[in-house]
N, C-alpha and C. Protein backbone atom coordinates (compact mmCIF):
# COMPACT_ATOMS: atom_id res chain seq x y z
N MET A 1 142.36 130.82 107.90
CA MET A 1 140.79 130.49 107.52
C MET A 1 140.94 128.92 106.95
N SER A 2 140.16 128.02 107.42
CA SER A 2 140.18 126.69 106.93
C SER A 2 139.48 126.55 105.35
N ARG A 3 140.13 125.91 104.56
CA ARG A 3 139.50 125.75 103.26
C ARG A 3 138.73 124.31 103.08
N GLY A 4 138.59 123.48 104.22
CA GLY A 4 137.88 122.40 103.93
C GLY A 4 138.76 121.20 103.78
N ILE A 5 138.04 120.09 103.26
CA ILE A 5 138.79 118.83 102.96
C ILE A 5 138.87 118.90 101.47
N VAL A 6 140.16 118.44 101.25
CA VAL A 6 140.34 118.20 99.65
C VAL A 6 140.05 116.90 99.17
N ARG A 7 139.22 116.83 97.98
CA ARG A 7 138.96 115.53 97.42
C ARG A 7 139.31 115.64 95.85
N HIS A 8 139.39 114.50 95.38
CA HIS A 8 139.99 114.38 93.80
C HIS A 8 138.72 113.93 93.12
N ILE A 9 138.51 114.61 91.82
CA ILE A 9 137.20 114.30 90.88
C ILE A 9 137.74 113.03 90.06
N ASP A 10 136.80 111.99 89.86
CA ASP A 10 137.47 110.72 89.24
C ASP A 10 136.96 111.14 87.88
N ALA A 11 137.28 110.01 87.06
CA ALA A 11 137.07 110.29 85.59
C ALA A 11 135.62 110.61 85.10
N LEU A 12 134.58 110.24 85.87
CA LEU A 12 133.30 110.53 85.37
C LEU A 12 132.89 111.82 86.08
N GLY A 13 133.81 112.83 86.70
CA GLY A 13 133.36 113.94 87.21
C GLY A 13 132.75 114.02 88.62
N ARG A 14 132.83 112.87 89.22
CA ARG A 14 132.31 112.75 90.58
C ARG A 14 133.31 113.00 91.82
N ILE A 15 132.71 113.64 92.81
CA ILE A 15 133.56 113.70 94.13
C ILE A 15 132.79 113.22 95.15
N VAL A 16 133.43 112.53 96.13
CA VAL A 16 132.79 111.99 97.32
C VAL A 16 132.56 113.20 98.35
N ILE A 17 131.34 113.34 98.76
CA ILE A 17 131.16 114.33 100.01
C ILE A 17 131.59 113.60 101.33
N PRO A 18 132.49 114.02 102.12
CA PRO A 18 132.82 113.45 103.10
C PRO A 18 131.65 113.13 104.14
N LYS A 19 131.85 112.06 104.79
CA LYS A 19 130.82 111.41 105.64
C LYS A 19 130.33 112.38 106.71
N GLU A 20 131.41 113.24 107.42
CA GLU A 20 130.94 114.14 108.41
C GLU A 20 130.25 115.15 108.01
N PHE A 21 130.22 115.66 106.78
CA PHE A 21 129.37 116.71 106.12
C PHE A 21 128.22 115.99 106.00
N ARG A 22 128.16 114.92 105.21
CA ARG A 22 126.62 114.21 105.15
C ARG A 22 125.79 114.07 106.30
N ARG A 23 126.66 113.67 107.30
CA ARG A 23 125.95 113.29 108.72
C ARG A 23 125.45 114.79 109.20
N SER A 24 126.25 115.73 109.23
CA SER A 24 125.83 116.89 109.72
C SER A 24 124.63 117.62 109.09
N LEU A 25 124.76 117.61 107.75
CA LEU A 25 123.72 118.06 106.88
C LEU A 25 122.44 117.12 106.52
N ARG A 26 122.69 115.92 107.27
CA ARG A 26 121.64 115.04 107.08
C ARG A 26 121.28 114.59 105.62
N ILE A 27 122.46 114.57 104.77
CA ILE A 27 122.30 113.94 103.56
C ILE A 27 122.51 112.66 103.36
N ARG A 28 121.50 111.83 102.83
CA ARG A 28 121.52 110.16 102.94
C ARG A 28 121.66 109.96 101.39
N GLU A 29 121.84 108.51 101.20
CA GLU A 29 121.87 108.19 99.82
C GLU A 29 120.67 108.47 99.13
N ASN A 30 120.74 108.95 97.86
CA ASN A 30 119.62 109.32 96.85
C ASN A 30 118.81 110.69 97.27
N ASP A 31 119.35 111.23 98.35
CA ASP A 31 118.82 112.53 98.65
C ASP A 31 119.09 113.68 97.45
N PRO A 32 118.18 114.51 97.01
CA PRO A 32 118.46 115.33 95.92
C PRO A 32 119.42 116.56 96.50
N VAL A 33 120.51 117.07 95.82
CA VAL A 33 121.29 118.16 96.25
C VAL A 33 121.19 119.12 94.93
N GLU A 34 121.40 120.29 95.31
CA GLU A 34 121.46 121.34 94.19
C GLU A 34 122.88 121.78 94.16
N ILE A 35 123.47 121.90 92.78
CA ILE A 35 124.73 122.37 92.65
C ILE A 35 124.61 123.84 91.80
N GLU A 36 125.31 124.77 92.51
CA GLU A 36 125.23 126.07 91.87
C GLU A 36 126.53 126.82 91.78
N GLY A 37 126.73 127.24 90.64
CA GLY A 37 127.99 127.85 90.28
C GLY A 37 128.03 129.15 90.95
N THR A 38 128.93 129.84 91.58
CA THR A 38 129.35 131.10 92.26
C THR A 38 130.40 131.78 91.67
N GLU A 39 130.67 132.97 91.92
CA GLU A 39 132.05 133.69 91.59
C GLU A 39 133.13 133.02 92.06
N ASP A 40 132.79 132.35 93.37
CA ASP A 40 134.15 131.77 94.08
C ASP A 40 134.45 130.28 93.79
N GLY A 41 133.32 129.53 93.14
CA GLY A 41 133.17 128.13 92.95
C GLY A 41 131.88 127.45 92.80
N LEU A 42 131.67 126.51 93.53
CA LEU A 42 130.38 125.77 93.63
C LEU A 42 129.87 125.70 94.90
N ARG A 43 128.56 125.81 95.03
CA ARG A 43 127.91 125.64 96.31
C ARG A 43 126.90 124.49 96.13
N LEU A 44 127.07 123.59 97.09
CA LEU A 44 126.17 122.29 97.15
C LEU A 44 125.18 122.36 98.19
N ARG A 45 123.96 122.36 97.94
CA ARG A 45 123.04 122.37 99.01
C ARG A 45 121.83 121.25 98.83
N LYS A 46 121.56 120.76 99.89
CA LYS A 46 120.32 119.71 100.11
C LYS A 46 119.07 120.36 99.73
N VAL A 47 118.38 119.61 98.99
CA VAL A 47 117.09 120.19 98.37
C VAL A 47 116.19 119.03 98.96
N SER A 48 115.04 119.54 99.48
CA SER A 48 113.94 118.63 100.02
C SER A 48 113.52 117.84 98.90
N ALA A 49 113.21 116.58 99.33
CA ALA A 49 112.78 115.61 98.20
C ALA A 49 111.16 116.09 97.73
N LEU A 50 110.61 116.77 98.69
CA LEU A 50 109.21 117.24 98.55
C LEU A 50 109.39 118.75 97.73
N LYS A 51 110.57 119.22 97.45
CA LYS A 51 110.57 120.52 96.85
C LYS A 51 109.43 120.81 95.76
N GLY A 52 108.89 121.92 95.70
CA GLY A 52 107.74 122.14 94.68
C GLY A 52 106.31 121.56 95.33
N LEU A 53 106.33 120.67 96.30
CA LEU A 53 104.94 120.35 96.70
C LEU A 53 104.57 120.95 98.00
N GLU A 54 105.33 121.95 98.34
CA GLU A 54 105.02 122.39 99.82
C GLU A 54 103.67 123.04 99.87
N PHE A 55 103.16 123.84 98.82
CA PHE A 55 101.74 124.20 98.90
C PHE A 55 100.73 123.15 98.85
N TYR A 56 100.88 122.17 98.07
CA TYR A 56 99.96 121.09 97.99
C TYR A 56 100.04 120.23 99.52
N ALA A 57 101.38 119.98 100.09
CA ALA A 57 101.47 119.31 101.11
C ALA A 57 100.65 120.22 102.27
N ALA A 58 100.74 121.32 102.31
CA ALA A 58 100.22 122.15 103.40
C ALA A 58 98.51 122.14 103.11
N LEU A 59 98.24 122.21 101.79
CA LEU A 59 96.68 122.08 101.79
C LEU A 59 96.15 120.72 102.26
N ALA A 60 96.92 119.54 101.99
CA ALA A 60 96.43 118.29 102.39
C ALA A 60 96.51 118.27 103.86
N ALA A 61 97.50 118.85 104.38
CA ALA A 61 97.77 118.67 105.89
C ALA A 61 96.62 119.53 106.56
N ASP A 62 96.44 120.87 105.97
CA ASP A 62 95.38 121.80 106.77
C ASP A 62 93.78 121.12 106.60
N CYS A 63 93.69 120.35 105.49
CA CYS A 63 92.36 119.63 105.27
C CYS A 63 92.17 118.61 106.17
N LEU A 64 93.34 117.59 106.26
CA LEU A 64 93.27 116.46 107.04
C LEU A 64 93.16 116.98 108.68
N GLY A 65 94.02 118.03 108.86
CA GLY A 65 93.75 118.54 110.38
C GLY A 65 92.52 119.03 110.72
N ARG A 66 91.79 119.81 109.81
CA ARG A 66 90.34 120.21 110.07
C ARG A 66 89.33 119.07 110.36
N ARG A 67 89.56 118.10 109.38
CA ARG A 67 88.69 116.80 109.51
C ARG A 67 88.66 116.07 110.64
N THR A 68 90.08 115.88 111.17
CA THR A 68 90.35 114.86 112.10
C THR A 68 90.59 115.70 113.57
N GLY A 69 90.75 116.96 113.50
CA GLY A 69 91.16 117.68 114.75
C GLY A 69 92.55 117.45 115.23
N CYS A 70 93.36 116.94 114.37
CA CYS A 70 94.72 116.57 114.82
C CYS A 70 95.73 117.46 114.29
N ALA A 71 96.94 117.71 114.52
CA ALA A 71 98.04 118.53 113.77
C ALA A 71 98.47 117.43 112.88
N VAL A 72 98.54 118.14 111.60
CA VAL A 72 99.20 117.17 110.36
C VAL A 72 100.18 118.02 109.68
N MET A 73 101.33 117.30 109.62
CA MET A 73 102.52 117.84 109.02
C MET A 73 102.94 117.02 107.89
N ALA A 74 103.85 117.87 106.94
CA ALA A 74 104.25 117.01 105.82
C ALA A 74 105.90 116.90 106.18
N ALA A 75 106.53 116.01 105.79
CA ALA A 75 108.08 116.06 106.26
C ALA A 75 108.88 115.20 105.04
N ASP A 76 109.84 115.67 104.71
CA ASP A 76 110.67 114.79 103.85
C ASP A 76 111.51 113.89 104.91
N GLN A 77 112.61 113.22 104.35
CA GLN A 77 113.35 112.23 105.34
C GLN A 77 113.93 113.10 106.43
N ALA A 78 114.13 114.38 106.59
CA ALA A 78 114.96 114.83 107.67
C ALA A 78 114.19 116.06 108.24
N LEU A 79 113.44 116.73 107.63
CA LEU A 79 112.81 118.10 107.88
C LEU A 79 111.40 118.14 107.81
N ILE A 80 110.71 119.03 108.48
CA ILE A 80 109.12 119.22 108.42
C ILE A 80 109.15 120.22 107.34
N CYS A 81 108.27 119.97 106.18
CA CYS A 81 108.23 120.97 105.07
C CYS A 81 106.96 121.96 105.23
N ALA A 82 105.94 121.25 105.72
CA ALA A 82 104.72 122.07 105.86
C ALA A 82 103.93 121.53 107.17
N ALA A 83 103.46 122.75 107.99
CA ALA A 83 102.71 122.44 109.18
C ALA A 83 101.65 123.66 109.31
N PRO A 84 100.52 123.40 108.54
CA PRO A 84 99.51 124.40 108.70
C PRO A 84 99.31 124.79 110.08
N GLY A 85 99.00 125.87 110.43
CA GLY A 85 98.94 126.56 111.85
C GLY A 85 99.88 126.42 112.87
N ARG A 86 101.01 125.84 112.41
CA ARG A 86 102.43 125.73 113.15
C ARG A 86 103.48 126.13 112.57
N PRO A 87 103.47 127.29 112.00
CA PRO A 87 104.65 127.65 111.16
C PRO A 87 106.07 127.61 111.81
N GLU A 88 105.89 127.67 113.08
CA GLU A 88 107.33 127.38 113.81
C GLU A 88 107.97 126.01 113.70
N LEU A 89 107.26 125.09 113.28
CA LEU A 89 107.68 123.76 113.06
C LEU A 89 108.34 123.51 111.63
N GLU A 90 108.00 124.50 110.75
CA GLU A 90 108.54 124.27 109.23
C GLU A 90 109.97 124.51 109.31
N GLY A 91 110.61 123.64 108.62
CA GLY A 91 112.15 123.69 108.54
C GLY A 91 112.94 122.93 109.84
N GLN A 92 112.13 122.65 110.80
CA GLN A 92 112.68 121.81 111.93
C GLN A 92 113.12 120.34 111.78
N ALA A 93 114.24 119.87 112.27
CA ALA A 93 114.65 118.70 112.03
C ALA A 93 113.88 117.70 112.77
N LEU A 94 113.52 116.48 112.17
CA LEU A 94 112.94 115.50 112.86
C LEU A 94 113.67 114.81 113.89
N SER A 95 112.91 114.32 115.07
CA SER A 95 113.79 113.79 116.16
C SER A 95 114.46 112.31 115.65
N GLU A 96 115.39 111.92 116.25
CA GLU A 96 116.16 110.55 115.97
C GLU A 96 115.18 109.59 116.08
N ALA A 97 114.23 109.77 117.15
CA ALA A 97 113.31 108.50 117.50
C ALA A 97 112.28 108.51 116.16
N LEU A 98 111.88 109.69 115.65
CA LEU A 98 111.05 109.72 114.63
C LEU A 98 111.61 109.20 113.38
N ARG A 99 112.73 109.53 113.05
CA ARG A 99 113.47 109.07 111.73
C ARG A 99 113.74 107.51 111.81
N GLU A 100 113.91 107.06 112.97
CA GLU A 100 114.09 105.48 113.11
C GLU A 100 112.72 104.70 112.76
N THR A 101 111.50 105.44 113.43
CA THR A 101 110.20 105.00 113.16
C THR A 101 109.83 105.22 111.68
N LEU A 102 110.17 106.06 111.10
CA LEU A 102 109.71 106.25 109.70
C LEU A 102 110.42 105.37 108.67
N GLY A 103 111.20 104.31 109.10
CA GLY A 103 111.57 103.34 108.26
C GLY A 103 110.50 102.47 107.92
N GLU A 104 109.51 102.41 108.85
CA GLU A 104 108.24 101.36 108.51
C GLU A 104 107.38 102.17 107.53
N ASP A 105 106.30 101.39 107.17
CA ASP A 105 105.27 101.90 106.35
C ASP A 105 104.34 102.52 107.04
N LEU A 106 102.93 102.74 106.72
CA LEU A 106 101.89 103.29 107.49
C LEU A 106 101.86 102.78 108.89
N PHE A 107 101.82 103.59 109.90
CA PHE A 107 101.69 103.06 111.18
C PHE A 107 100.86 104.05 112.05
N ARG A 108 100.68 103.43 113.31
CA ARG A 108 99.98 104.19 114.43
C ARG A 108 100.63 103.90 115.65
N ARG A 109 101.02 105.04 116.49
CA ARG A 109 101.57 104.94 117.75
C ARG A 109 100.84 105.56 118.78
N GLU A 110 100.58 104.80 120.02
CA GLU A 110 99.70 105.57 121.02
C GLU A 110 100.43 105.86 122.11
N GLU A 111 101.76 106.10 121.98
CA GLU A 111 102.36 106.46 123.06
C GLU A 111 101.75 108.01 123.71
N ILE A 112 101.87 108.25 125.16
CA ILE A 112 101.48 109.37 125.62
C ILE A 112 102.13 110.67 125.02
N SER A 113 103.37 110.54 124.92
CA SER A 113 104.06 111.59 124.26
C SER A 113 105.25 111.10 123.20
N PHE A 114 105.23 111.61 121.98
CA PHE A 114 106.09 110.96 120.90
C PHE A 114 106.86 112.29 120.42
N PRO A 115 108.31 112.09 120.60
CA PRO A 115 109.21 113.34 120.31
C PRO A 115 109.10 113.43 118.55
N LEU A 116 108.69 114.63 118.07
CA LEU A 116 108.68 114.75 116.78
C LEU A 116 109.90 115.70 116.12
N THR A 117 110.39 116.61 117.03
CA THR A 117 111.38 117.37 116.49
C THR A 117 112.70 117.24 117.45
N GLU A 118 113.99 117.80 116.71
CA GLU A 118 115.01 117.53 117.78
C GLU A 118 114.94 118.93 118.62
N ALA A 119 114.00 119.95 118.20
CA ALA A 119 113.92 121.08 119.27
C ALA A 119 113.08 120.91 120.31
N GLY A 120 112.43 119.45 120.57
CA GLY A 120 111.69 119.27 121.52
C GLY A 120 110.07 119.26 121.39
N PHE A 121 109.71 119.31 120.12
CA PHE A 121 108.30 119.40 119.82
C PHE A 121 107.65 117.85 119.91
N SER A 122 106.90 117.63 120.86
CA SER A 122 106.19 116.29 120.85
C SER A 122 104.72 116.49 120.69
N GLY A 123 104.20 115.33 120.27
CA GLY A 123 102.60 115.18 120.15
C GLY A 123 102.21 113.82 121.07
N VAL A 124 100.82 113.89 121.08
CA VAL A 124 100.33 112.60 121.71
C VAL A 124 99.91 111.68 120.68
N GLY A 125 100.65 110.64 120.70
CA GLY A 125 100.45 109.59 119.64
C GLY A 125 100.98 110.26 118.40
N LEU A 126 100.95 109.25 117.44
CA LEU A 126 101.63 109.47 116.24
C LEU A 126 100.98 108.43 115.22
N CYS A 127 100.55 109.05 113.88
CA CYS A 127 100.30 108.32 112.71
C CYS A 127 101.06 108.96 111.46
N ALA A 128 101.61 107.87 110.78
CA ALA A 128 102.44 108.48 109.66
C ALA A 128 102.12 107.70 108.33
N ALA A 129 102.17 108.27 107.30
CA ALA A 129 102.01 107.41 106.06
C ALA A 129 103.13 107.93 104.95
N PRO A 130 103.73 107.05 104.30
CA PRO A 130 104.87 107.43 103.33
C PRO A 130 104.30 108.13 102.19
N ILE A 131 104.89 109.19 101.70
CA ILE A 131 104.60 109.75 100.40
C ILE A 131 105.42 109.03 99.24
N ARG A 132 104.92 108.34 98.44
CA ARG A 132 105.90 107.54 97.49
C ARG A 132 105.53 108.00 95.96
N HIS A 133 106.50 108.01 95.12
CA HIS A 133 106.40 108.06 93.91
C HIS A 133 107.23 106.85 93.14
N LEU A 134 106.80 106.30 92.24
CA LEU A 134 107.44 105.15 91.57
C LEU A 134 108.07 104.19 92.49
N GLY A 135 107.44 103.80 93.57
CA GLY A 135 107.90 102.82 94.48
C GLY A 135 108.92 103.53 95.61
N GLU A 136 109.38 104.77 95.23
CA GLU A 136 110.50 105.28 96.38
C GLU A 136 109.92 106.27 97.23
N ARG A 137 110.29 106.26 98.41
CA ARG A 137 109.68 107.06 99.42
C ARG A 137 110.39 108.38 99.36
N TYR A 138 109.66 109.45 99.44
CA TYR A 138 110.18 110.89 99.39
C TYR A 138 109.93 111.49 100.70
N GLY A 139 108.94 111.10 101.37
CA GLY A 139 108.64 111.98 102.71
C GLY A 139 107.42 111.18 103.33
N PHE A 140 106.82 111.82 104.26
CA PHE A 140 105.71 111.34 105.13
C PHE A 140 104.76 112.51 105.37
N LEU A 141 103.41 112.01 105.48
CA LEU A 141 102.46 112.79 106.20
C LEU A 141 102.47 112.32 107.73
N LEU A 142 102.59 113.13 108.69
CA LEU A 142 102.58 112.85 110.05
C LEU A 142 101.35 113.46 110.60
N MET A 143 100.72 112.76 111.60
CA MET A 143 99.51 113.22 112.26
C MET A 143 99.89 112.86 113.69
N THR A 144 99.44 113.90 114.56
CA THR A 144 99.62 113.76 116.11
C THR A 144 98.37 114.54 116.80
N GLY A 145 98.19 114.02 117.99
CA GLY A 145 97.04 114.70 118.71
C GLY A 145 97.66 115.68 119.66
N GLU A 146 96.75 116.57 120.02
CA GLU A 146 96.94 117.54 121.02
C GLU A 146 96.68 116.94 122.39
N LYS A 147 95.67 116.27 122.78
CA LYS A 147 95.38 115.64 124.03
C LYS A 147 95.22 114.37 124.02
N SER A 148 94.92 113.59 122.76
CA SER A 148 94.77 112.40 122.78
C SER A 148 95.28 111.82 121.37
N PRO A 149 95.68 110.56 121.17
CA PRO A 149 96.21 110.15 119.91
C PRO A 149 95.26 110.16 118.74
N PRO A 150 95.84 110.28 117.52
CA PRO A 150 94.88 110.42 116.41
C PRO A 150 93.85 109.25 116.33
N PRO A 151 92.74 109.15 116.09
CA PRO A 151 91.89 108.05 115.93
C PRO A 151 92.18 107.06 114.78
N GLU A 152 92.05 105.80 114.96
CA GLU A 152 92.41 104.81 113.96
C GLU A 152 91.74 105.03 112.67
N SER A 153 90.45 105.75 112.79
CA SER A 153 89.74 105.90 111.54
C SER A 153 90.42 107.10 110.66
N ALA A 154 91.31 107.76 111.20
CA ALA A 154 92.16 108.68 110.36
C ALA A 154 93.20 108.04 109.42
N LEU A 155 93.68 106.96 109.61
CA LEU A 155 94.48 106.33 108.99
C LEU A 155 94.34 105.98 107.55
N PRO A 156 93.12 105.65 107.04
CA PRO A 156 92.81 105.56 105.57
C PRO A 156 92.83 107.13 104.94
N LEU A 157 92.40 107.95 105.50
CA LEU A 157 92.57 109.40 104.99
C LEU A 157 93.91 109.89 104.98
N LEU A 158 94.69 109.55 105.90
CA LEU A 158 96.11 110.12 105.89
C LEU A 158 97.00 109.32 104.83
N GLU A 159 96.62 108.16 104.67
CA GLU A 159 97.28 107.31 103.50
C GLU A 159 96.88 107.66 102.26
N PHE A 160 95.41 108.13 102.03
CA PHE A 160 94.97 108.79 100.72
C PHE A 160 95.77 109.83 100.28
N ALA A 161 95.62 110.85 101.45
CA ALA A 161 96.39 112.10 101.14
C ALA A 161 97.90 111.87 100.80
N ALA A 162 98.54 110.84 101.40
CA ALA A 162 99.96 110.60 101.31
C ALA A 162 100.08 110.21 99.62
N ASP A 163 99.26 109.28 99.29
CA ASP A 163 99.20 108.60 97.95
C ASP A 163 99.07 109.89 96.94
N LEU A 164 98.04 110.64 97.06
CA LEU A 164 97.75 111.65 96.19
C LEU A 164 98.99 112.69 96.09
N LEU A 165 99.61 113.11 97.16
CA LEU A 165 100.83 113.88 97.18
C LEU A 165 102.01 113.04 96.24
N GLY A 166 102.16 111.74 96.59
CA GLY A 166 103.05 111.10 95.66
C GLY A 166 102.84 110.96 94.30
N GLY A 167 101.53 110.94 93.87
CA GLY A 167 101.21 111.30 92.46
C GLY A 167 101.53 112.49 91.76
N LEU A 168 101.55 113.52 92.78
CA LEU A 168 101.74 114.96 92.32
C LEU A 168 103.46 115.06 92.03
N LEU A 169 104.21 114.23 92.77
CA LEU A 169 105.65 114.46 92.59
C LEU A 169 106.08 114.35 91.03
N GLY A 170 105.49 113.46 90.37
CA GLY A 170 105.72 113.32 88.93
C GLY A 170 105.51 114.52 88.22
N GLU A 171 104.62 115.31 88.79
CA GLU A 171 104.20 116.59 88.11
C GLU A 171 105.03 117.76 88.60
N ALA A 172 105.52 117.75 89.69
CA ALA A 172 106.24 118.95 90.29
C ALA A 172 107.54 119.08 89.27
């Protein structure tokens, strides 16, 4: 049985998580991780940057979805955290194309089909607004259409809801 990769602890108590592990677990710089002591040692687990906001994110997404007729989801940098009416999407990894696009700020795409998850879920068009707290981006509200792209008039609502969730991050 393999015991993994051996690393040394530096004078400040830090260890480096090997790049292969960070890549496979989608852990990026500044991502929160949970360290738990167990009988056998330590367990390290990635935690969603939106941890604690799932309920509020789901409410905001549901309200926006009803108002616009679009599918609305909340995602951290790697996973969909809340998808009202689409529970099969929760916990799914974001597609590479989407993660690259999310480097931008508020945006709207009108492509016929836009890949949202690695498992193959696509939507018609895409709008996204960053969820920020104290200038740092923690995640996104994503909006996609079933048969047509989300209307441009939905962007201010999406941005407002993302800003509201960002404000709640300080309270969570």
